[in-house]
Amino acid sequence: MAKTPKTKTAPPIDETLRAALRATDETDYALGKRAGVSPGMIARFVSGERDLRLATAARLAGALGLALVPTDAPPGAPSRPAKRKAAGK
């Protein structure tokens, strides 16, 4: 039986985002104001008391100069999301 090659996977989004939040010199208040997220939510997320919705994680990542990008996809998934048609067109 052939061995399945091990693939390198990216760390989970929450771990990466927590590390980036801990590494910044910016206060939770200043970052929250730029990202449109409450400072208390940021503090509770960093401490592990709560999780974030994906949209909130994306706003925080953007405020930190990061981007959420897929590193792998299920077989048969398109490599790029399909463009959505505007309503009424």
PDB file of N, CA and C in Angstrom:
ATOM      1  N   MET A   1       0.836  -1.167   0.000  1.00  0.00           N
ATOM      2  CA  MET A   1       0.000   0.000   0.000  1.00  0.00           C
ATOM      3  C   MET A   1       0.891   1.244   0.000  1.00  0.00           C
ATOM      4  N   ALA A   2       0.604   2.179  -0.889  1.00  0.00           N
ATOM      5  CA  ALA A   2       1.411   3.390  -1.006  1.00  0.00           C
ATOM      6  C   ALA A   2       1.101   4.349   0.130  1.00  0.00           C
ATOM      7  N   LYS A   3       2.133   5.017   0.576  1.00  0.00           N
ATOM      8  CA  LYS A   3       1.944   6.016   1.624  1.00  0.00           C
ATOM      9  C   LYS A   3       1.408   7.303   1.018  1.00  0.00           C
ATOM     10  N   THR A   4       0.520   7.934   1.738  1.00  0.00           N
ATOM     11  CA  THR A   4      -0.003   9.222   1.298  1.00  0.00           C
ATOM     12  C   THR A   4       1.002  10.295   1.695  1.00  0.00           C
ATOM     13  N   PRO A   5       1.423  11.133   0.744  1.00  0.00           N
ATOM     14  CA  PRO A   5       2.391  12.177   1.102  1.00  0.00           C
ATOM     15  C   PRO A   5       1.756  13.175   2.061  1.00  0.00           C
ATOM     16  N   LYS A   6       2.549  13.597   3.040  1.00  0.00           N
ATOM     17  CA  LYS A   6       2.058  14.601   3.974  1.00  0.00           C
ATOM     18  C   LYS A   6       2.107  15.969   3.311  1.00  0.00           C
ATOM     19  N   THR A   7       1.049  16.701   3.493  1.00  0.00           N
ATOM     20  CA  THR A   7       1.016  18.046   2.936  1.00  0.00           C
ATOM     21  C   THR A   7       1.131  19.049   4.070  1.00  0.00           C
ATOM     22  N   LYS A   8       1.787  20.117   3.794  1.00  0.00           N
ATOM     23  CA  LYS A   8       1.939  21.177   4.779  1.00  0.00           C
ATOM     24  C   LYS A   8       0.655  22.000   4.786  1.00  0.00           C
ATOM     25  N   THR A   9       0.069  22.126   5.942  1.00  0.00           N
ATOM     26  CA  THR A   9      -1.152  22.915   6.040  1.00  0.00           C
ATOM     27  C   THR A   9      -0.867  24.202   6.787  1.00  0.00           C
ATOM     28  N   ALA A  10      -1.617  25.211   6.456  1.00  0.00           N
ATOM     29  CA  ALA A  10      -1.475  26.496   7.125  1.00  0.00           C
ATOM     30  C   ALA A  10      -2.064  26.396   8.521  1.00  0.00           C
ATOM     31  N   PRO A  11      -1.553  27.191   9.457  1.00  0.00           N
ATOM     32  CA  PRO A  11      -2.151  27.181  10.792  1.00  0.00           C
ATOM     33  C   PRO A  11      -3.583  27.702  10.717  1.00  0.00           C
ATOM     34  N   PRO A  12      -4.412  27.325  11.665  1.00  0.00           N
ATOM     35  CA  PRO A  12      -5.795  27.807  11.656  1.00  0.00           C
ATOM     36  C   PRO A  12      -5.865  29.335  11.662  1.00  0.00           C
ATOM     37  N   ILE A  13      -6.916  29.851  11.056  1.00  0.00           N
ATOM     38  CA  ILE A  13      -7.101  31.303  10.958  1.00  0.00           C
ATOM     39  C   ILE A  13      -7.070  31.951  12.333  1.00  0.00           C
ATOM     40  N   ASP A  14      -7.761  31.357  13.305  1.00  0.00           N
ATOM     41  CA  ASP A  14      -7.840  31.997  14.616  1.00  0.00           C
ATOM     42  C   ASP A  14      -6.464  32.125  15.269  1.00  0.00           C
ATOM     43  N   GLU A  15      -5.625  31.106  15.144  1.00  0.00           N
ATOM     44  CA  GLU A  15      -4.281  31.177  15.726  1.00  0.00           C
ATOM     45  C   GLU A  15      -3.446  32.263  15.055  1.00  0.00           C
ATOM     46  N   THR A  16      -3.518  32.328  13.743  1.00  0.00           N
ATOM     47  CA  THR A  16      -2.752  33.324  12.994  1.00  0.00           C
ATOM     48  C   THR A  16      -3.208  34.736  13.335  1.00  0.00           C
ATOM     49  N   LEU A  17      -4.518  34.928  13.406  1.00  0.00           N
ATOM     50  CA  LEU A  17      -5.049  36.260  13.709  1.00  0.00           C
ATOM     51  C   LEU A  17      -4.734  36.659  15.148  1.00  0.00           C
ATOM     52  N   ARG A  18      -4.843  35.731  16.091  1.00  0.00           N
ATOM     53  CA  ARG A  18      -4.492  36.046  17.484  1.00  0.00           C
ATOM     54  C   ARG A  18      -3.023  36.459  17.581  1.00  0.00           C
ATOM     55  N   ALA A  19      -2.148  35.731  16.897  1.00  0.00           N
ATOM     56  CA  ALA A  19      -0.721  36.063  16.933  1.00  0.00           C
ATOM     57  C   ALA A  19      -0.471  37.447  16.351  1.00  0.00           C
ATOM     58  N   ALA A  20      -1.156  37.780  15.261  1.00  0.00           N
ATOM     59  CA  ALA A  20      -0.979  39.099  14.637  1.00  0.00           C
ATOM     60  C   ALA A  20      -1.499  40.201  15.561  1.00  0.00           C
ATOM     61  N   LEU A  21      -2.607  39.946  16.243  1.00  0.00           N
ATOM     62  CA  LEU A  21      -3.159  40.935  17.167  1.00  0.00           C
ATOM     63  C   LEU A  21      -2.237  41.143  18.364  1.00  0.00           C
ATOM     64  N   ARG A  22      -1.637  40.060  18.843  1.00  0.00           N
ATOM     65  CA  ARG A  22      -0.699  40.183  19.977  1.00  0.00           C
ATOM     66  C   ARG A  22       0.577  40.911  19.566  1.00  0.00           C
ATOM     67  N   ALA A  23       0.978  40.761  18.306  1.00  0.00           N
ATOM     68  CA  ALA A  23       2.234  41.336  17.834  1.00  0.00           C
ATOM     69  C   ALA A  23       2.146  42.821  17.507  1.00  0.00           C
ATOM     70  N   THR A  24       0.933  43.339  17.310  1.00  0.00           N
ATOM     71  CA  THR A  24       0.809  44.739  16.942  1.00  0.00           C
ATOM     72  C   THR A  24       1.006  45.653  18.151  1.00  0.00           C
ATOM     73  N   ASP A  25       1.540  46.827  17.904  1.00  0.00           N
ATOM     74  CA  ASP A  25       1.702  47.826  18.962  1.00  0.00           C
ATOM     75  C   ASP A  25       0.447  48.672  19.111  1.00  0.00           C
ATOM     76  N   GLU A  26      -0.514  48.470  18.218  1.00  0.00           N
ATOM     77  CA  GLU A  26      -1.741  49.258  18.217  1.00  0.00           C
ATOM     78  C   GLU A  26      -2.664  48.794  19.347  1.00  0.00           C
ATOM     79  N   THR A  27      -3.353  49.731  19.967  1.00  0.00           N
ATOM     80  CA  THR A  27      -4.290  49.365  21.037  1.00  0.00           C
ATOM     81  C   THR A  27      -5.530  48.702  20.445  1.00  0.00           C
ATOM     82  N   ASP A  28      -6.236  47.957  21.277  1.00  0.00           N
ATOM     83  CA  ASP A  28      -7.493  47.350  20.841  1.00  0.00           C
ATOM     84  C   ASP A  28      -8.475  48.434  20.410  1.00  0.00           C
ATOM     85  N   TYR A  29      -8.444  49.569  21.108  1.00  0.00           N
ATOM     86  CA  TYR A  29      -9.363  50.661  20.777  1.00  0.00           C
ATOM     87  C   TYR A  29      -9.076  51.204  19.374  1.00  0.00           C
ATOM     88  N   ALA A  30      -7.805  51.516  19.103  1.00  0.00           N
ATOM     89  CA  ALA A  30      -7.444  52.093  17.800  1.00  0.00           C
ATOM     90  C   ALA A  30      -7.706  51.097  16.667  1.00  0.00           C
ATOM     91  N   LEU A  31      -7.331  49.854  16.870  1.00  0.00           N
ATOM     92  CA  LEU A  31      -7.551  48.833  15.850  1.00  0.00           C
ATOM     93  C   LEU A  31      -9.046  48.600  15.641  1.00  0.00           C
ATOM     94  N   GLY A  32      -9.777  48.531  16.744  1.00  0.00           N
ATOM     95  CA  GLY A  32     -11.216  48.328  16.648  1.00  0.00           C
ATOM     96  C   GLY A  32     -11.906  49.453  15.916  1.00  0.00           C
ATOM     97  N   LYS A  33     -11.469  50.666  16.165  1.00  0.00           N
ATOM     98  CA  LYS A  33     -12.059  51.823  15.490  1.00  0.00           C
ATOM     99  C   LYS A  33     -11.824  51.734  13.984  1.00  0.00           C
ATOM    100  N   ARG A  34     -10.609  51.367  13.579  1.00  0.00           N
ATOM    101  CA  ARG A  34     -10.314  51.247  12.137  1.00  0.00           C
ATOM    102  C   ARG A  34     -11.051  50.083  11.492  1.00  0.00           C
ATOM    103  N   ALA A  35     -11.210  48.984  12.247  1.00  0.00           N
ATOM    104  CA  ALA A  35     -11.829  47.785  11.681  1.00  0.00           C
ATOM    105  C   ALA A  35     -13.349  47.752  11.859  1.00  0.00           C
ATOM    106  N   GLY A  36     -13.881  48.657  12.688  1.00  0.00           N
ATOM    107  CA  GLY A  36     -15.309  48.634  12.949  1.00  0.00           C
ATOM    108  C   GLY A  36     -15.712  47.490  13.875  1.00  0.00           C
ATOM    109  N   VAL A  37     -14.832  47.169  14.812  1.00  0.00           N
ATOM    110  CA  VAL A  37     -15.052  46.075  15.759  1.00  0.00           C
ATOM    111  C   VAL A  37     -14.846  46.633  17.166  1.00  0.00           C
ATOM    112  N   SER A  38     -15.645  46.185  18.121  1.00  0.00           N
ATOM    113  CA  SER A  38     -15.496  46.720  19.476  1.00  0.00           C
ATOM    114  C   SER A  38     -14.174  46.259  20.089  1.00  0.00           C
ATOM    115  N   PRO A  39     -13.529  47.152  20.855  1.00  0.00           N
ATOM    116  CA  PRO A  39     -12.271  46.783  21.512  1.00  0.00           C
ATOM    117  C   PRO A  39     -12.452  45.600  22.468  1.00  0.00           C
ATOM    118  N   GLY A  40     -13.614  45.531  23.123  1.00  0.00           N
ATOM    119  CA  GLY A  40     -13.878  44.423  24.034  1.00  0.00           C
ATOM    120  C   GLY A  40     -13.917  43.094  23.308  1.00  0.00           C
ATOM    121  N   MET A  41     -14.481  43.092  22.100  1.00  0.00           N
ATOM    122  CA  MET A  41     -14.540  41.868  21.304  1.00  0.00           C
ATOM    123  C   MET A  41     -13.126  41.423  20.940  1.00  0.00           C
ATOM    124  N   ILE A  42     -12.289  42.378  20.590  1.00  0.00           N
ATOM    125  CA  ILE A  42     -10.899  42.053  20.242  1.00  0.00           C
ATOM    126  C   ILE A  42     -10.199  41.444  21.458  1.00  0.00           C
ATOM    127  N   ALA A  43     -10.341  42.079  22.609  1.00  0.00           N
ATOM    128  CA  ALA A  43      -9.689  41.583  23.829  1.00  0.00           C
ATOM    129  C   ALA A  43     -10.172  40.176  24.186  1.00  0.00           C
ATOM    130  N   ARG A  44     -11.481  39.930  24.081  1.00  0.00           N
ATOM    131  CA  ARG A  44     -12.014  38.604  24.406  1.00  0.00           C
ATOM    132  C   ARG A  44     -11.557  37.551  23.399  1.00  0.00           C
ATOM    133  N   PHE A  45     -11.430  37.942  22.135  1.00  0.00           N
ATOM    134  CA  PHE A  45     -10.930  37.008  21.120  1.00  0.00           C
ATOM    135  C   PHE A  45      -9.472  36.657  21.392  1.00  0.00           C
ATOM    136  N   VAL A  46      -8.644  37.656  21.651  1.00  0.00           N
ATOM    137  CA  VAL A  46      -7.217  37.418  21.887  1.00  0.00           C
ATOM    138  C   VAL A  46      -7.017  36.544  23.127  1.00  0.00           C
ATOM    139  N   SER A  47      -7.850  36.749  24.153  1.00  0.00           N
ATOM    140  CA  SER A  47      -7.711  35.956  25.383  1.00  0.00           C
ATOM    141  C   SER A  47      -8.277  34.546  25.241  1.00  0.00           C
ATOM    142  N   GLY A  48      -8.988  34.282  24.141  1.00  0.00           N
ATOM    143  CA  GLY A  48      -9.556  32.961  23.917  1.00  0.00           C
ATOM    144  C   GLY A  48     -10.946  32.780  24.501  1.00  0.00           C
ATOM    145  N   GLU A  49     -11.543  33.862  25.010  1.00  0.00           N
ATOM    146  CA  GLU A  49     -12.876  33.782  25.600  1.00  0.00           C
ATOM    147  C   GLU A  49     -13.980  33.652  24.559  1.00  0.00           C
ATOM    148  N   ARG A  50     -13.722  34.092  23.342  1.00  0.00           N
ATOM    149  CA  ARG A  50     -14.752  34.038  22.301  1.00  0.00           C
ATOM    150  C   ARG A  50     -14.120  33.813  20.940  1.00  0.00           C
ATOM    151  N   ASP A  51     -14.961  33.424  20.005  1.00  0.00           N
ATOM    152  CA  ASP A  51     -14.552  33.276  18.608  1.00  0.00           C
ATOM    153  C   ASP A  51     -15.124  34.441  17.809  1.00  0.00           C
ATOM    154  N   LEU A  52     -14.704  34.546  16.563  1.00  0.00           N
ATOM    155  CA  LEU A  52     -15.195  35.606  15.687  1.00  0.00           C
ATOM    156  C   LEU A  52     -15.910  35.015  14.483  1.00  0.00           C
ATOM    157  N   ARG A  53     -16.839  35.768  13.950  1.00  0.00           N
ATOM    158  CA  ARG A  53     -17.421  35.413  12.652  1.00  0.00           C
ATOM    159  C   ARG A  53     -16.355  35.676  11.592  1.00  0.00           C
ATOM    160  N   LEU A  54     -16.473  35.009  10.471  1.00  0.00           N
ATOM    161  CA  LEU A  54     -15.491  35.165   9.396  1.00  0.00           C
ATOM    162  C   LEU A  54     -15.427  36.611   8.908  1.00  0.00           C
ATOM    163  N   ALA A  55     -16.567  37.273   8.805  1.00  0.00           N
ATOM    164  CA  ALA A  55     -16.587  38.664   8.347  1.00  0.00           C
ATOM    165  C   ALA A  55     -15.816  39.564   9.314  1.00  0.00           C
ATOM    166  N   THR A  56     -15.945  39.316  10.607  1.00  0.00           N
ATOM    167  CA  THR A  56     -15.219  40.106  11.607  1.00  0.00           C
ATOM    168  C   THR A  56     -13.728  39.828  11.523  1.00  0.00           C
ATOM    169  N   ALA A  57     -13.375  38.562  11.346  1.00  0.00           N
ATOM    170  CA  ALA A  57     -11.957  38.205  11.191  1.00  0.00           C
ATOM    171  C   ALA A  57     -11.369  38.887   9.964  1.00  0.00           C
ATOM    172  N   ALA A  58     -12.132  38.943   8.890  1.00  0.00           N
ATOM    173  CA  ALA A  58     -11.653  39.588   7.662  1.00  0.00           C
ATOM    174  C   ALA A  58     -11.451  41.086   7.885  1.00  0.00           C
ATOM    175  N   ARG A  59     -12.350  41.726   8.631  1.00  0.00           N
ATOM    176  CA  ARG A  59     -12.181  43.167   8.912  1.00  0.00           C
ATOM    177  C   ARG A  59     -10.938  43.416   9.756  1.00  0.00           C
ATOM    178  N   LEU A  60     -10.730  42.577  10.765  1.00  0.00           N
ATOM    179  CA  LEU A  60      -9.533  42.727  11.595  1.00  0.00           C
ATOM    180  C   LEU A  60      -8.268  42.459  10.788  1.00  0.00           C
ATOM    181  N   ALA A  61      -8.287  41.424   9.978  1.00  0.00           N
ATOM    182  CA  ALA A  61      -7.126  41.114   9.141  1.00  0.00           C
ATOM    183  C   ALA A  61      -6.813  42.279   8.216  1.00  0.00           C
ATOM    184  N   GLY A  62      -7.839  42.847   7.597  1.00  0.00           N
ATOM    185  CA  GLY A  62      -7.634  43.992   6.711  1.00  0.00           C
ATOM    186  C   GLY A  62      -7.034  45.180   7.435  1.00  0.00           C
ATOM    187  N   ALA A  63      -7.503  45.429   8.661  1.00  0.00           N
ATOM    188  CA  ALA A  63      -6.965  46.544   9.443  1.00  0.00           C
ATOM    189  C   ALA A  63      -5.504  46.314   9.814  1.00  0.00           C
ATOM    190  N   LEU A  64      -5.107  45.049   9.887  1.00  0.00           N
ATOM    191  CA  LEU A  64      -3.714  44.714  10.197  1.00  0.00           C
ATOM    192  C   LEU A  64      -2.847  44.613   8.946  1.00  0.00           C
ATOM    193  N   GLY A  65      -3.456  44.815   7.778  1.00  0.00           N
ATOM    194  CA  GLY A  65      -2.711  44.701   6.522  1.00  0.00           C
ATOM    195  C   GLY A  65      -2.567  43.266   6.054  1.00  0.00           C
ATOM    196  N   LEU A  66      -3.419  42.388   6.550  1.00  0.00           N
ATOM    197  CA  LEU A  66      -3.395  40.973   6.164  1.00  0.00           C
ATOM    198  C   LEU A  66      -4.601  40.666   5.292  1.00  0.00           C
ATOM    199  N   ALA A  67      -4.574  39.536   4.637  1.00  0.00           N
ATOM    200  CA  ALA A  67      -5.706  39.100   3.821  1.00  0.00           C
ATOM    201  C   ALA A  67      -5.991  37.639   4.126  1.00  0.00           C
ATOM    202  N   LEU A  68      -7.252  37.288   4.146  1.00  0.00           N
ATOM    203  CA  LEU A  68      -7.646  35.892   4.310  1.00  0.00           C
ATOM    204  C   LEU A  68      -7.704  35.266   2.927  1.00  0.00           C
ATOM    205  N   VAL A  69      -6.886  34.271   2.694  1.00  0.00           N
ATOM    206  CA  VAL A  69      -6.864  33.601   1.391  1.00  0.00           C
ATOM    207  C   VAL A  69      -6.937  32.098   1.601  1.00  0.00           C
ATOM    208  N   PRO A  70      -7.647  31.391   0.724  1.00  0.00           N
ATOM    209  CA  PRO A  70      -7.704  29.935   0.865  1.00  0.00           C
ATOM    210  C   PRO A  70      -6.357  29.317   0.527  1.00  0.00           C
ATOM    211  N   THR A  71      -5.984  28.299   1.280  1.00  0.00           N
ATOM    212  CA  THR A  71      -4.725  27.609   0.995  1.00  0.00           C
ATOM    213  C   THR A  71      -4.973  26.272   0.333  1.00  0.00           C
ATOM    214  N   ASP A  72      -6.177  25.785   0.451  1.00  0.00           N
ATOM    215  CA  ASP A  72      -6.541  24.553  -0.233  1.00  0.00           C
ATOM    216  C   ASP A  72      -8.045  24.570  -0.450  1.00  0.00           C
ATOM    217  N   ALA A  73      -8.492  23.733  -1.317  1.00  0.00           N
ATOM    218  CA  ALA A  73      -9.918  23.672  -1.637  1.00  0.00           C
ATOM    219  C   ALA A  73     -10.297  22.227  -1.874  1.00  0.00           C
ATOM    220  N   PRO A  74     -11.562  21.905  -1.676  1.00  0.00           N
ATOM    221  CA  PRO A  74     -11.979  20.538  -1.951  1.00  0.00           C
ATOM    222  C   PRO A  74     -11.821  20.211  -3.432  1.00  0.00           C
ATOM    223  N   PRO A  75     -11.629  18.947  -3.760  1.00  0.00           N
ATOM    224  CA  PRO A  75     -11.485  18.565  -5.172  1.00  0.00           C
ATOM    225  C   PRO A  75     -12.677  19.036  -5.995  1.00  0.00           C
ATOM    226  N   GLY A  76     -12.400  19.580  -7.154  1.00  0.00           N
ATOM    227  CA  GLY A  76     -13.457  20.035  -8.052  1.00  0.00           C
ATOM    228  C   GLY A  76     -13.927  21.456  -7.795  1.00  0.00           C
ATOM    229  N   ALA A  77     -13.445  22.079  -6.722  1.00  0.00           N
ATOM    230  CA  ALA A  77     -13.851  23.457  -6.442  1.00  0.00           C
ATOM    231  C   ALA A  77     -13.154  24.398  -7.409  1.00  0.00           C
ATOM    232  N   PRO A  78     -13.832  25.464  -7.831  1.00  0.00           N
ATOM    233  CA  PRO A  78     -13.176  26.413  -8.739  1.00  0.00           C
ATOM    234  C   PRO A  78     -12.012  27.096  -8.038  1.00  0.00           C
ATOM    235  N   SER A  79     -10.988  27.437  -8.795  1.00  0.00           N
ATOM    236  CA  SER A  79      -9.819  28.085  -8.199  1.00  0.00           C
ATOM    237  C   SER A  79     -10.107  29.530  -7.828  1.00  0.00           C
ATOM    238  N   ARG A  80     -11.091  30.125  -8.459  1.00  0.00           N
ATOM    239  CA  ARG A  80     -11.500  31.496  -8.144  1.00  0.00           C
ATOM    240  C   ARG A  80     -13.009  31.497  -7.987  1.00  0.00           C
ATOM    241  N   PRO A  81     -13.516  32.329  -7.084  1.00  0.00           N
ATOM    242  CA  PRO A  81     -14.962  32.382  -6.950  1.00  0.00           C
ATOM    243  C   PRO A  81     -15.610  32.923  -8.229  1.00  0.00           C
ATOM    244  N   ALA A  82     -16.756  32.400  -8.558  1.00  0.00           N
ATOM    245  CA  ALA A  82     -17.462  32.876  -9.745  1.00  0.00           C
ATOM    246  C   ALA A  82     -17.938  34.306  -9.508  1.00  0.00           C
ATOM    247  N   LYS A  83     -17.900  35.092 -10.556  1.00  0.00           N
ATOM    248  CA  LYS A  83     -18.389  36.466 -10.458  1.00  0.00           C
ATOM    249  C   LYS A  83     -19.899  36.434 -10.353  1.00  0.00           C
ATOM    250  N   ARG A  84     -20.431  37.241  -9.451  1.00  0.00           N
ATOM    251  CA  ARG A  84     -21.871  37.304  -9.284  1.00  0.00           C
ATOM    252  C   ARG A  84     -22.431  38.351 -10.206  1.00  0.00           C
ATOM    253  N   LYS A  85     -23.586  38.055 -10.765  1.00  0.00           N
ATOM    254  CA  LYS A  85     -24.246  39.010 -11.649  1.00  0.00           C
ATOM    255  C   LYS A  85     -25.008  40.006 -10.786  1.00  0.00           C
ATOM    256  N   ALA A  86     -25.004  41.239 -11.198  1.00  0.00           N
ATOM    257  CA  ALA A  86     -25.758  42.268 -10.493  1.00  0.00           C
ATOM    258  C   ALA A  86     -27.241  42.006 -10.664  1.00  0.00           C
ATOM    259  N   ALA A  87     -28.018  42.377  -9.679  1.00  0.00           N
ATOM    260  CA  ALA A  87     -29.464  42.171  -9.732  1.00  0.00           C
ATOM    261  C   ALA A  87     -30.060  42.918 -10.911  1.00  0.00           C
ATOM    262  N   GLY A  88     -30.953  42.259 -11.618  1.00  0.00           N
ATOM    263  CA  GLY A  88     -31.631  42.897 -12.756  1.00  0.00           C
ATOM    264  C   GLY A  88     -30.862  42.828 -14.057  1.00  0.00           C
ATOM    265  N   LYS A  89     -29.752  42.145 -14.082  1.00  0.00           N
ATOM    266  CA  LYS A  89     -28.968  42.047 -15.325  1.00  0.00           C
ATOM    267  C   LYS A  89     -29.009  40.666 -15.879  1.00  0.00           C
TER     268      LYS A  89
END
